[in-house]
Amino acid sequence: MSLHQLAVDSASDHRPLIITLFSVFVLATLGITVWAGRQTKDATDFYAGGRSFSGFQNGLAISGDYMSAASFLGIAGAIALAGYDGFLYSIGFLVAWLVALLLVAEPLRNTGRYTMGDVLAFRMRQRPVRTAAGVSTIVVSIFYLLAQMAGAGVLVSLLLGITSEAGKILIVVLVGVVMILYVSIGGMKGTTWVQMVKAVMLIAGALLMTFLVLLKFDFNVSDLLGKAAENTKLGHAFLEPGLKYGVTGTTKLDFISLGLALVLGTAGLPHILIRFYTVPTAKAARNSVNWAIGIIGAFYLMTIALGFGAAALLNKTDITTSNKAGNTAAPLLAEELGGPVLLAVISAVAFATILAVVAGLTLASSSSFAHDLYANVIRKGEATQEEEVRAARWATVGIGAVAVVLGVFSRDLNVAGLVALAFAVAASANLPTILYSLFWKRFTTQGALWSIYGGLISSVVLVLFSPVVSGKESSMFKHADFDWFPLENPGLISIPLGFLLGWVGSLLSKEKPDPDKYAELEVRSLTGYGAH
């Protein structure tokens, strides 16, 4: 009998425990959300949590927002199946934080109010750039939501022994309903507290599993790696570059594309950017990123132990039988290390991870819709705070529905790979525009529009015609074949294109940038003077 089948059987034997743990977490976090919702009185509370969180609290919440199902489930699976090449996800996600810290965290907190659109609109024409920022935010968030939905479907199906496609689809729908409740009731305050609770749970769960893995090998990392290489029957090739990204010239280019997307994407992710607005000062924003780097760094070190531990202690066939993309490697490892009780606990933690991250993503996209598109474009700045918050709540329902529908189609894809696509879109559309706005005085509205729409359209089109969507057994539509773009990640093409279009668009623009506005933005971004 396979380990996957044993996991399903023991999960079914302990189903009351599993359902109890899941129910306790969901009810507890919904309770936090309702409590926070009662304290949400205006738009600042809904969008930015009243700017009442300390640097440490926000650092913990950023960690909770960033350490997604992709980190916990996807990276462990990628390492278990691809060895060293899977480990590159851990490094990429971690290094990306340095870009966020050094380039955007403090200036963004100083110049914006609620969304990325606030920064762009400071010195550009309001309506076109807010429209572009809103569209980009929603598209990036939906790409990221796909990964979380895929992770939720895989995880709960394993635990509850659900094998029917209808059952898996129902799980994705239920996750969507819960995330809509989190955001529409609790706003940023509720979401932040849920993320803080989840971050503590995830670190504790990963720490426990890492300790148990290392205990199996007497805390000798060399023995762990040696056993992983031996168990996979790949020998030293498992521990060296090239297993996934070194087979052909195309896969080597895919590796460069993936690295670019991971390292540059974080600084353009909307749900991470809005977290900088929840602290009272720029110093607290910088402090929160320092805390986040420490917490996230420790976590990604542990994902290495989890991934190689899964490779050393599990059978590759069991992992791929359970989920072709390897997303269940971490829960199966928990089953191997601590039996059904640890399987239930770790799976509940992973489910908590998914719910917290989807809440953050939905909040980012609904905030951008309400603040940028509804209040400033449709209502031309004349909407009341109550109307704006109401629009955000309705947007939450709409975005949640779209995420559910797309999540149903993406449930068999590797969640780390899906997140890398979101990073590529963010780095192509958002990052060039943010950096040019903050640091280039000749940047114009036309440059911003060319950069956002050019980066967004190129990255999304290349993804649609890539092997991620069609042409391979692991594709979203495996029986179709329209993958004329050979790379799985578009970052190598779309990120430079986003920067190039922003530069060319500004040079060709007839609009003359206002030097006084740029000088004011520069002073505010560097000093925090006049920040909200």
Protein backbone atom coordinates (compact mmCIF):
# COMPACT_ATOMS: atom_id res chain seq x y z
CA MET A 1 0.00 0.00 0.00
CA SER A 2 1.37 3.46 -0.92
CA LEU A 3 2.18 6.14 1.64
CA HIS A 4 -0.43 8.36 0.01
CA GLN A 5 -3.07 5.69 0.58
CA LEU A 6 -1.85 5.21 4.16
CA ALA A 7 -2.13 8.97 4.72
CA VAL A 8 -5.66 8.99 3.33
CA ASP A 9 -6.60 5.93 5.43
CA SER A 10 -5.12 7.28 8.68
CA ALA A 11 -6.65 10.67 7.93
CA SER A 12 -10.03 8.99 7.58
CA ASP A 13 -9.43 7.10 10.86
CA HIS A 14 -8.76 10.42 12.61
CA ARG A 15 -11.23 12.50 10.65
CA PRO A 16 -13.01 13.84 13.77
CA LEU A 17 -9.66 15.24 15.05
CA ILE A 18 -8.88 16.79 11.65
CA ILE A 19 -12.32 18.35 11.24
CA THR A 20 -12.17 19.64 14.83
CA LEU A 21 -8.78 21.32 14.26
CA PHE A 22 -9.95 22.91 11.01
CA SER A 23 -13.21 24.08 12.61
CA VAL A 24 -11.45 25.53 15.67
CA PHE A 25 -9.09 27.57 13.51
CA VAL A 26 -11.78 28.84 11.14
CA LEU A 27 -14.16 29.75 14.01
CA ALA A 28 -11.38 31.39 16.06
CA THR A 29 -10.20 33.52 13.15
CA LEU A 30 -13.76 34.43 12.18
CA GLY A 31 -14.22 35.53 15.81
CA ILE A 32 -11.11 37.75 15.51
CA THR A 33 -12.49 39.11 12.23
CA VAL A 34 -15.88 40.00 13.75
CA TRP A 35 -14.13 41.69 16.71
CA ALA A 36 -11.93 43.70 14.35
CA GLY A 37 -14.92 44.51 12.15
CA ARG A 38 -16.65 46.22 15.07
CA GLN A 39 -13.60 48.49 15.44
CA THR A 40 -13.55 49.36 11.72
CA LYS A 41 -15.22 52.76 11.61
CA ASP A 42 -13.83 54.50 8.51
CA ALA A 43 -11.79 54.00 5.33
CA THR A 44 -8.44 54.29 7.15
CA ASP A 45 -9.48 51.45 9.46
CA PHE A 46 -10.70 49.29 6.54
CA TYR A 47 -7.71 49.88 4.23
CA ALA A 48 -4.84 50.44 6.68
CA GLY A 49 -5.99 49.09 10.05
CA GLY A 50 -6.07 52.63 11.43
CA ARG A 51 -2.24 52.72 11.02
CA SER A 52 -2.18 51.31 14.54
CA PHE A 53 0.22 48.35 14.24
CA SER A 54 3.77 48.37 15.57
CA GLY A 55 6.83 47.46 13.48
CA PHE A 56 7.01 43.99 15.06
CA GLN A 57 3.27 43.33 14.61
CA ASN A 58 3.39 44.43 10.99
CA GLY A 59 6.57 42.40 10.40
CA LEU A 60 4.76 39.34 11.73
CA ALA A 61 1.73 40.11 9.53
CA ILE A 62 3.94 40.66 6.45
CA SER A 63 5.53 37.27 7.17
CA GLY A 64 2.07 35.74 7.43
CA ASP A 65 1.10 37.38 4.13
CA TYR A 66 4.28 36.30 2.35
CA MET A 67 4.76 32.74 3.64
CA SER A 68 1.97 31.35 1.53
CA ALA A 69 0.83 27.88 0.54
CA ALA A 70 3.44 28.16 -2.20
CA SER A 71 6.16 28.46 0.42
CA PHE A 72 4.98 25.66 2.64
CA LEU A 73 3.49 23.17 0.18
CA GLY A 74 4.98 24.16 -3.18
CA ILE A 75 8.63 24.61 -2.21
CA ALA A 76 8.75 21.42 -0.14
CA GLY A 77 7.26 19.57 -3.14
CA ALA A 78 9.59 21.25 -5.63
CA ILE A 79 12.69 20.31 -3.57
CA ALA A 80 11.42 16.76 -2.99
CA LEU A 81 11.00 16.22 -6.75
CA ALA A 82 13.73 18.41 -8.28
CA GLY A 83 16.37 18.63 -5.54
CA TYR A 84 18.73 21.60 -5.87
CA ASP A 85 16.65 23.22 -8.62
CA GLY A 86 13.58 23.22 -6.36
CA PHE A 87 15.64 24.83 -3.59
CA LEU A 88 16.08 27.88 -5.86
CA TYR A 89 12.53 28.94 -4.98
CA SER A 90 13.57 29.31 -1.32
CA ILE A 91 16.56 31.49 -2.25
CA GLY A 92 14.61 33.59 -4.74
CA PHE A 93 11.76 34.37 -2.34
CA LEU A 94 14.24 35.34 0.39
CA VAL A 95 16.58 37.52 -1.70
CA ALA A 96 13.53 39.36 -3.04
CA TRP A 97 13.02 40.90 0.39
CA LEU A 98 16.27 42.86 0.09
CA VAL A 99 14.89 44.56 -3.03
CA ALA A 100 11.68 45.43 -1.17
CA LEU A 101 13.60 46.77 1.83
CA LEU A 102 16.19 48.82 -0.06
CA LEU A 103 14.00 50.25 -2.82
CA VAL A 104 10.33 50.55 -1.91
CA ALA A 105 9.34 49.98 1.74
CA GLU A 106 10.07 53.39 3.26
CA PRO A 107 9.47 55.65 0.20
CA LEU A 108 6.14 53.93 -0.45
CA ARG A 109 4.98 54.40 3.14
CA ASN A 110 5.95 58.09 2.96
CA THR A 111 4.27 58.91 -0.35
CA GLY A 112 1.13 56.78 -0.47
CA ARG A 113 -2.05 56.60 1.52
CA TYR A 114 -3.84 53.31 0.88
CA THR A 115 -2.74 51.84 -2.49
CA MET A 116 -0.01 51.79 -5.13
CA GLY A 117 -2.22 54.10 -7.22
CA ASP A 118 -1.76 56.87 -4.62
CA VAL A 119 1.99 56.96 -5.32
CA LEU A 120 1.56 57.10 -9.10
CA ALA A 121 -1.23 59.69 -8.97
CA PHE A 122 0.86 62.09 -6.87
CA ARG A 123 2.64 63.52 -9.92
CA MET A 124 0.66 62.02 -12.84
CA ARG A 125 -2.83 62.54 -14.26
CA GLN A 126 -5.15 60.93 -11.71
CA ARG A 127 -7.75 59.01 -13.68
CA PRO A 128 -5.65 57.12 -16.27
CA VAL A 129 -2.91 56.04 -13.85
CA ARG A 130 -5.36 55.03 -11.12
CA THR A 131 -7.28 52.96 -13.68
CA ALA A 132 -4.06 51.25 -14.79
CA ALA A 133 -2.91 50.66 -11.19
CA GLY A 134 -6.31 49.21 -10.25
CA VAL A 135 -6.39 46.83 -13.22
CA SER A 136 -2.81 45.69 -12.58
CA THR A 137 -3.43 45.12 -8.87
CA ILE A 138 -6.50 42.98 -9.54
CA VAL A 139 -4.77 40.86 -12.22
CA VAL A 140 -1.66 40.20 -10.07
CA SER A 141 -3.82 39.35 -7.05
CA ILE A 142 -5.92 36.88 -9.05
CA PHE A 143 -2.79 35.11 -10.36
CA TYR A 144 -1.57 34.77 -6.78
CA LEU A 145 -5.00 33.63 -5.58
CA LEU A 146 -4.89 30.74 -8.07
CA ALA A 147 -1.94 29.26 -6.20
CA GLN A 148 -3.68 29.43 -2.85
CA MET A 149 -6.88 27.90 -4.22
CA ALA A 150 -4.90 25.06 -5.81
CA GLY A 151 -3.16 24.41 -2.48
CA ALA A 152 -6.45 24.40 -0.57
CA GLY A 153 -8.08 21.89 -2.90
CA VAL A 154 -5.13 19.49 -2.74
CA LEU A 155 -4.71 19.73 1.02
CA VAL A 156 -8.29 19.27 2.16
CA SER A 157 -8.89 16.52 -0.43
CA LEU A 158 -5.98 14.54 1.05
CA LEU A 159 -7.21 15.01 4.61
CA LEU A 160 -10.83 14.23 4.08
CA GLY A 161 -10.17 11.42 1.59
CA ILE A 162 -12.06 13.23 -1.17
CA THR A 163 -11.25 11.75 -4.56
CA SER A 164 -14.13 13.02 -6.68
CA GLU A 165 -13.58 16.12 -8.82
CA ALA A 166 -16.90 17.55 -7.58
CA GLY A 167 -15.67 17.29 -3.98
CA LYS A 168 -12.41 19.07 -4.80
CA ILE A 169 -14.31 21.85 -6.56
CA LEU A 170 -16.59 22.26 -3.52
CA ILE A 171 -13.51 22.75 -1.30
CA VAL A 172 -12.24 25.57 -3.54
CA VAL A 173 -15.70 27.21 -3.32
CA LEU A 174 -15.74 26.95 0.50
CA VAL A 175 -12.29 28.57 0.77
CA GLY A 176 -13.58 31.39 -1.42
CA VAL A 177 -16.60 31.94 0.83
CA VAL A 178 -14.48 32.07 4.00
CA MET A 179 -11.99 34.55 2.49
CA ILE A 180 -14.86 36.82 1.39
CA LEU A 181 -16.18 36.80 4.97
CA TYR A 182 -12.72 37.63 6.40
CA VAL A 183 -12.22 40.69 4.22
CA SER A 184 -15.73 42.07 3.99
CA ILE A 185 -16.28 41.88 7.76
CA GLY A 186 -12.84 42.58 9.23
CA GLY A 187 -11.04 44.76 6.68
CA MET A 188 -7.33 45.33 7.26
CA LYS A 189 -7.54 45.03 11.06
CA GLY A 190 -9.13 41.59 10.95
CA THR A 191 -6.88 40.39 8.13
CA THR A 192 -3.74 41.59 9.95
CA TRP A 193 -4.60 39.76 13.17
CA VAL A 194 -5.41 36.57 11.23
CA GLN A 195 -2.04 36.84 9.47
CA MET A 196 -0.19 37.32 12.75
CA VAL A 197 -1.84 34.25 14.31
CA LYS A 198 -1.13 32.22 11.18
CA ALA A 199 2.54 33.31 11.04
CA VAL A 200 3.13 32.07 14.60
CA MET A 201 1.38 28.76 13.83
CA LEU A 202 3.32 28.24 10.59
CA ILE A 203 6.73 28.97 12.13
CA ALA A 204 5.94 26.65 15.06
CA GLY A 205 4.75 23.86 12.73
CA ALA A 206 7.75 24.18 10.40
CA LEU A 207 10.13 24.30 13.38
CA LEU A 208 8.64 21.12 14.84
CA MET A 209 8.87 19.26 11.52
CA THR A 210 12.44 20.48 10.91
CA PHE A 211 13.46 19.30 14.38
CA LEU A 212 11.90 15.86 13.77
CA VAL A 213 13.56 15.53 10.34
CA LEU A 214 16.99 16.44 11.72
CA LEU A 215 16.42 14.14 14.72
CA LYS A 216 16.00 11.23 12.29
CA PHE A 217 19.53 11.91 11.03
CA ASP A 218 21.12 12.80 14.41
CA PHE A 219 21.26 16.46 13.30
CA ASN A 220 23.76 15.56 10.58
CA VAL A 221 22.76 17.56 7.48
CA SER A 222 25.24 15.66 5.32
CA ASP A 223 23.51 12.37 6.19
CA LEU A 224 20.12 13.94 5.36
CA LEU A 225 21.31 15.09 1.92
CA GLY A 226 23.05 11.77 1.25
CA LYS A 227 19.90 9.80 2.10
CA ALA A 228 17.80 12.11 -0.13
CA ALA A 229 20.18 11.53 -3.05
CA GLU A 230 20.16 7.77 -2.44
CA ASN A 231 16.39 7.48 -1.92
CA THR A 232 15.55 9.30 -5.13
CA LYS A 233 17.95 6.99 -7.04
CA LEU A 234 19.45 10.06 -8.70
CA GLY A 235 22.67 10.21 -6.68
CA HIS A 236 24.67 13.42 -6.73
CA ALA A 237 22.60 14.76 -9.64
CA PHE A 238 19.80 15.39 -7.09
CA LEU A 239 22.08 17.71 -5.11
CA GLU A 240 23.52 19.59 -8.07
CA PRO A 241 22.05 22.20 -10.44
CA GLY A 242 20.46 21.04 -13.66
CA LEU A 243 17.89 18.38 -12.74
CA LYS A 244 15.01 20.61 -13.84
CA TYR A 245 16.64 23.69 -15.35
CA GLY A 246 19.71 22.26 -17.08
CA VAL A 247 18.36 19.73 -19.55
CA THR A 248 18.14 22.04 -22.59
CA GLY A 249 18.95 25.63 -23.51
CA THR A 250 15.27 26.49 -23.03
CA THR A 251 15.18 25.23 -19.43
CA LYS A 252 18.33 27.23 -18.64
CA LEU A 253 16.59 30.35 -19.93
CA ASP A 254 13.55 29.37 -17.84
CA PHE A 255 15.79 29.33 -14.78
CA ILE A 256 17.02 32.87 -15.48
CA SER A 257 13.43 33.98 -16.11
CA LEU A 258 12.25 32.40 -12.85
CA GLY A 259 15.12 34.01 -10.89
CA LEU A 260 14.32 37.48 -12.30
CA ALA A 261 10.64 37.11 -11.48
CA LEU A 262 11.22 35.90 -7.92
CA VAL A 263 13.84 38.51 -6.99
CA LEU A 264 12.06 41.52 -8.51
CA GLY A 265 8.45 40.45 -8.00
CA THR A 266 8.07 40.99 -4.24
CA ALA A 267 8.60 44.75 -4.50
CA GLY A 268 5.64 44.93 -6.89
CA LEU A 269 3.16 42.64 -5.12
CA PRO A 270 0.05 44.67 -4.17
CA HIS A 271 -0.84 42.68 -1.02
CA ILE A 272 2.71 43.22 0.31
CA LEU A 273 2.85 46.92 -0.68
CA ILE A 274 -0.37 47.83 1.19
CA ARG A 275 1.06 46.35 4.40
CA PHE A 276 3.48 49.30 4.62
CA TYR A 277 0.50 51.65 5.13
CA THR A 278 -0.64 49.94 8.35
CA VAL A 279 2.16 51.42 10.50
CA PRO A 280 2.20 54.97 11.90
CA THR A 281 5.66 56.07 10.67
CA ALA A 282 8.30 55.39 8.00
CA LYS A 283 10.66 54.16 10.73
CA ALA A 284 8.06 51.56 11.76
CA ALA A 285 7.72 50.52 8.08
CA ARG A 286 11.49 49.95 7.87
CA ASN A 287 11.45 48.15 11.22
CA SER A 288 8.60 45.89 10.08
CA VAL A 289 10.58 44.83 6.99
CA ASN A 290 13.61 44.03 9.18
CA TRP A 291 11.45 41.80 11.38
CA ALA A 292 9.91 40.20 8.29
CA ILE A 293 13.35 39.41 6.82
CA GLY A 294 14.39 37.65 10.03
CA ILE A 295 11.18 35.61 10.33
CA ILE A 296 10.95 34.78 6.62
CA GLY A 297 14.68 33.93 6.43
CA ALA A 298 14.34 31.42 9.26
CA PHE A 299 11.28 29.90 7.61
CA TYR A 300 12.92 29.44 4.21
CA LEU A 301 15.92 27.76 5.81
CA MET A 302 13.44 25.29 7.31
CA THR A 303 11.76 24.63 3.93
CA ILE A 304 15.11 23.24 2.75
CA ALA A 305 15.07 20.67 5.57
CA LEU A 306 11.41 19.85 4.81
CA GLY A 307 11.99 19.39 1.08
CA PHE A 308 15.12 17.24 1.39
CA GLY A 309 13.52 15.44 4.35
CA ALA A 310 10.57 14.50 2.13
CA ALA A 311 12.99 13.28 -0.54
CA ALA A 312 14.92 11.21 2.03
CA LEU A 313 11.98 9.68 3.90
CA LEU A 314 9.23 9.36 1.29
CA ASN A 315 8.87 7.48 -1.95
CA LYS A 316 8.74 9.78 -5.00
CA THR A 317 5.87 7.73 -6.46
CA ASP A 318 3.79 8.28 -3.31
CA ILE A 319 4.30 12.04 -3.56
CA THR A 320 3.36 12.24 -7.26
CA THR A 321 0.44 9.80 -6.84
CA SER A 322 -1.02 12.07 -4.19
CA ASN A 323 -0.44 15.20 -6.32
CA LYS A 324 1.43 15.33 -9.63
CA ALA A 325 3.07 18.66 -8.79
CA GLY A 326 4.30 17.51 -5.35
CA ASN A 327 2.07 19.86 -3.33
CA THR A 328 1.33 17.19 -0.68
CA ALA A 329 4.98 16.39 0.14
CA ALA A 330 4.87 18.39 3.42
CA PRO A 331 1.64 16.78 4.77
CA LEU A 332 2.90 13.31 3.77
CA LEU A 333 6.19 14.05 5.56
CA ALA A 334 4.21 15.08 8.66
CA GLU A 335 2.38 11.74 8.50
CA GLU A 336 5.72 9.90 8.28
CA LEU A 337 7.26 11.86 11.18
CA GLY A 338 4.42 12.04 13.67
CA GLY A 339 1.51 9.94 12.50
CA PRO A 340 -2.04 11.13 11.87
CA VAL A 341 -2.02 13.67 14.74
CA LEU A 342 0.92 15.61 13.25
CA LEU A 343 -0.65 15.23 9.79
CA ALA A 344 -3.83 16.85 11.12
CA VAL A 345 -1.95 19.65 12.92
CA ILE A 346 0.34 20.51 9.98
CA SER A 347 -2.54 20.37 7.52
CA ALA A 348 -4.59 22.69 9.72
CA VAL A 349 -1.59 25.08 9.79
CA ALA A 350 -1.28 24.89 5.99
CA PHE A 351 -5.01 25.58 5.66
CA ALA A 352 -4.62 28.55 8.01
CA THR A 353 -1.80 29.74 5.75
CA ILE A 354 -4.03 29.60 2.70
CA LEU A 355 -6.94 31.44 4.35
CA ALA A 356 -4.71 34.23 5.70
CA VAL A 357 -2.96 34.82 2.37
CA VAL A 358 -6.14 34.78 0.27
CA ALA A 359 -7.63 37.32 2.69
CA GLY A 360 -4.62 39.63 2.18
CA LEU A 361 -4.77 39.27 -1.61
CA THR A 362 -8.51 39.88 -1.75
CA LEU A 363 -8.16 42.94 0.49
CA ALA A 364 -5.43 44.39 -1.77
CA SER A 365 -7.48 43.99 -4.94
CA SER A 366 -10.80 45.12 -3.44
CA SER A 367 -9.08 48.16 -1.87
CA SER A 368 -7.59 49.13 -5.21
CA PHE A 369 -10.93 48.73 -6.95
CA ALA A 370 -12.78 50.83 -4.37
CA HIS A 371 -10.12 53.51 -3.76
CA ASP A 372 -8.55 53.84 -7.22
CA LEU A 373 -11.30 52.83 -9.67
CA TYR A 374 -14.57 53.55 -7.87
CA ALA A 375 -13.78 56.59 -5.69
CA ASN A 376 -11.27 58.42 -7.90
CA VAL A 377 -12.16 57.35 -11.45
CA ILE A 378 -15.88 56.51 -11.52
CA ARG A 379 -16.99 58.97 -8.80
CA LYS A 380 -14.17 61.49 -9.58
CA GLY A 381 -13.16 61.88 -5.94
CA GLU A 382 -16.68 62.63 -4.70
CA ALA A 383 -17.48 59.32 -3.00
CA THR A 384 -17.91 59.37 0.77
CA GLN A 385 -15.82 57.06 2.96
CA GLU A 386 -18.91 54.93 3.64
CA GLU A 387 -19.57 54.52 -0.09
CA GLU A 388 -15.94 53.65 -0.72
CA VAL A 389 -15.88 50.93 1.96
CA ARG A 390 -19.20 49.54 0.68
CA ALA A 391 -17.72 49.35 -2.84
CA ALA A 392 -14.68 47.52 -1.42
CA ARG A 393 -16.93 44.93 0.22
CA TRP A 394 -18.85 44.30 -3.02
CA ALA A 395 -15.54 44.09 -4.91
CA THR A 396 -14.44 41.43 -2.43
CA VAL A 397 -17.40 39.27 -3.45
CA GLY A 398 -16.69 39.73 -7.17
CA ILE A 399 -12.96 39.06 -6.94
CA GLY A 400 -13.59 36.06 -4.70
CA ALA A 401 -15.98 34.60 -7.30
CA VAL A 402 -13.43 35.03 -10.12
CA ALA A 403 -10.69 33.43 -7.98
CA VAL A 404 -12.93 30.43 -7.23
CA VAL A 405 -13.72 29.82 -10.92
CA LEU A 406 -10.07 30.07 -12.00
CA GLY A 407 -8.92 28.07 -8.96
CA VAL A 408 -11.04 25.13 -10.09
CA PHE A 409 -9.03 24.91 -13.34
CA SER A 410 -5.61 25.29 -11.70
CA ARG A 411 -5.91 22.76 -8.89
CA ASP A 412 -3.38 20.30 -10.41
CA LEU A 413 -0.56 22.81 -10.99
CA ASN A 414 2.43 23.26 -8.64
CA VAL A 415 1.55 26.15 -6.34
CA ALA A 416 5.13 27.48 -6.21
CA GLY A 417 5.13 27.70 -10.02
CA LEU A 418 1.80 29.55 -10.01
CA VAL A 419 3.11 32.07 -7.49
CA ALA A 420 6.20 32.62 -9.65
CA LEU A 421 3.83 33.67 -12.45
CA ALA A 422 2.21 36.25 -10.14
CA PHE A 423 5.70 37.53 -9.27
CA ALA A 424 6.52 37.87 -12.98
CA VAL A 425 3.36 39.90 -13.67
CA ALA A 426 4.04 42.13 -10.63
CA ALA A 427 7.68 42.70 -11.63
CA SER A 428 6.69 43.47 -15.24
CA ALA A 429 3.78 45.87 -14.63
CA ASN A 430 4.10 47.35 -11.13
CA LEU A 431 7.79 47.52 -10.23
CA PRO A 432 9.02 49.62 -13.20
CA THR A 433 6.24 52.15 -12.64
CA ILE A 434 6.87 52.44 -8.90
CA LEU A 435 10.64 52.88 -9.32
CA TYR A 436 10.33 55.41 -12.15
CA SER A 437 7.73 57.40 -10.16
CA LEU A 438 9.94 57.55 -7.09
CA PHE A 439 13.35 58.08 -8.67
CA TRP A 440 13.07 59.55 -12.23
CA LYS A 441 11.97 63.16 -12.61
CA ARG A 442 11.22 62.87 -16.37
CA PHE A 443 8.67 60.07 -15.88
CA THR A 444 5.27 60.96 -17.34
CA THR A 445 1.68 59.71 -17.34
CA GLN A 446 2.19 58.17 -20.78
CA GLY A 447 5.30 56.37 -19.53
CA ALA A 448 3.35 55.00 -16.57
CA LEU A 449 0.52 53.74 -18.80
CA TRP A 450 2.89 52.15 -21.32
CA SER A 451 4.84 50.49 -18.51
CA ILE A 452 1.84 49.11 -16.62
CA TYR A 453 -0.24 47.98 -19.59
CA GLY A 454 2.77 46.85 -21.62
CA GLY A 455 4.22 44.79 -18.76
CA LEU A 456 0.80 43.44 -17.81
CA ILE A 457 -0.35 42.47 -21.31
CA SER A 458 2.99 40.97 -22.37
CA SER A 459 3.35 38.85 -19.21
CA VAL A 460 -0.26 37.60 -19.25
CA VAL A 461 -0.22 36.82 -23.01
CA LEU A 462 3.08 34.93 -22.70
CA VAL A 463 1.68 32.92 -19.76
CA LEU A 464 -1.47 32.04 -21.76
CA PHE A 465 0.65 30.68 -24.62
CA SER A 466 3.21 28.94 -22.38
CA PRO A 467 3.50 25.28 -21.30
CA VAL A 468 1.86 26.27 -17.98
CA VAL A 469 -1.52 26.53 -19.75
CA SER A 470 -1.26 23.91 -22.53
CA GLY A 471 0.92 21.33 -24.25
CA LYS A 472 2.21 19.26 -21.30
CA GLU A 473 0.86 16.61 -18.96
CA SER A 474 1.25 19.08 -16.07
CA SER A 475 -0.47 21.98 -17.92
CA MET A 476 -3.77 23.57 -16.92
CA PHE A 477 -5.34 22.29 -20.17
CA LYS A 478 -3.22 19.21 -20.84
CA HIS A 479 -5.20 18.04 -23.88
CA ALA A 480 -4.87 21.37 -25.71
CA ASP A 481 -1.74 22.51 -27.51
CA PHE A 482 -1.14 26.22 -28.18
CA ASP A 483 2.14 26.75 -26.27
CA TRP A 484 4.19 28.66 -28.88
CA PHE A 485 6.10 30.50 -26.10
CA PRO A 486 8.63 27.92 -24.80
CA LEU A 487 9.34 29.31 -21.30
CA GLU A 488 7.19 28.52 -18.26
CA ASN A 489 7.87 31.95 -16.74
CA PRO A 490 7.60 35.13 -18.87
CA GLY A 491 9.87 37.30 -16.67
CA LEU A 492 12.91 37.22 -18.98
CA ILE A 493 10.91 38.98 -21.72
CA SER A 494 8.17 40.92 -19.92
CA ILE A 495 10.22 42.51 -17.07
CA PRO A 496 12.79 44.28 -19.33
CA LEU A 497 9.90 45.19 -21.66
CA GLY A 498 8.02 46.87 -18.77
CA PHE A 499 11.07 49.00 -17.92
CA LEU A 500 11.78 49.78 -21.60
CA LEU A 501 8.19 50.85 -22.34
CA GLY A 502 8.12 53.17 -19.30
CA TRP A 503 11.33 54.85 -20.50
CA VAL A 504 10.32 55.12 -24.19
CA GLY A 505 6.78 56.24 -23.35
CA SER A 506 8.12 59.06 -21.16
CA LEU A 507 10.65 60.23 -23.78
CA LEU A 508 8.00 60.29 -26.54
CA SER A 509 5.39 62.01 -24.36
CA LYS A 510 4.39 65.62 -25.11
CA GLU A 511 3.53 66.12 -21.43
CA LYS A 512 6.10 68.09 -19.44
CA PRO A 513 6.68 66.68 -15.94
CA ASP A 514 6.15 69.16 -13.09
CA PRO A 515 9.59 69.60 -11.41
CA ASP A 516 7.99 71.03 -8.25
CA LYS A 517 5.78 67.94 -7.86
CA TYR A 518 8.80 65.66 -8.25
CA ALA A 519 10.78 67.71 -5.72
CA GLU A 520 7.89 67.45 -3.25
CA LEU A 521 7.60 63.69 -3.84
CA GLU A 522 11.36 63.28 -3.38
CA VAL A 523 11.37 65.17 -0.06
CA ARG A 524 8.35 63.25 1.18
CA SER A 525 9.69 59.83 0.11
CA LEU A 526 13.07 60.41 1.80
CA THR A 527 11.96 62.19 4.97
CA GLY A 528 8.31 61.28 5.53
CA TYR A 529 7.39 64.98 5.72
CA GLY A 530 3.69 65.39 4.94
CA ALA A 531 3.01 61.64 4.91
CA HIS A 532 -0.49 60.51 5.89
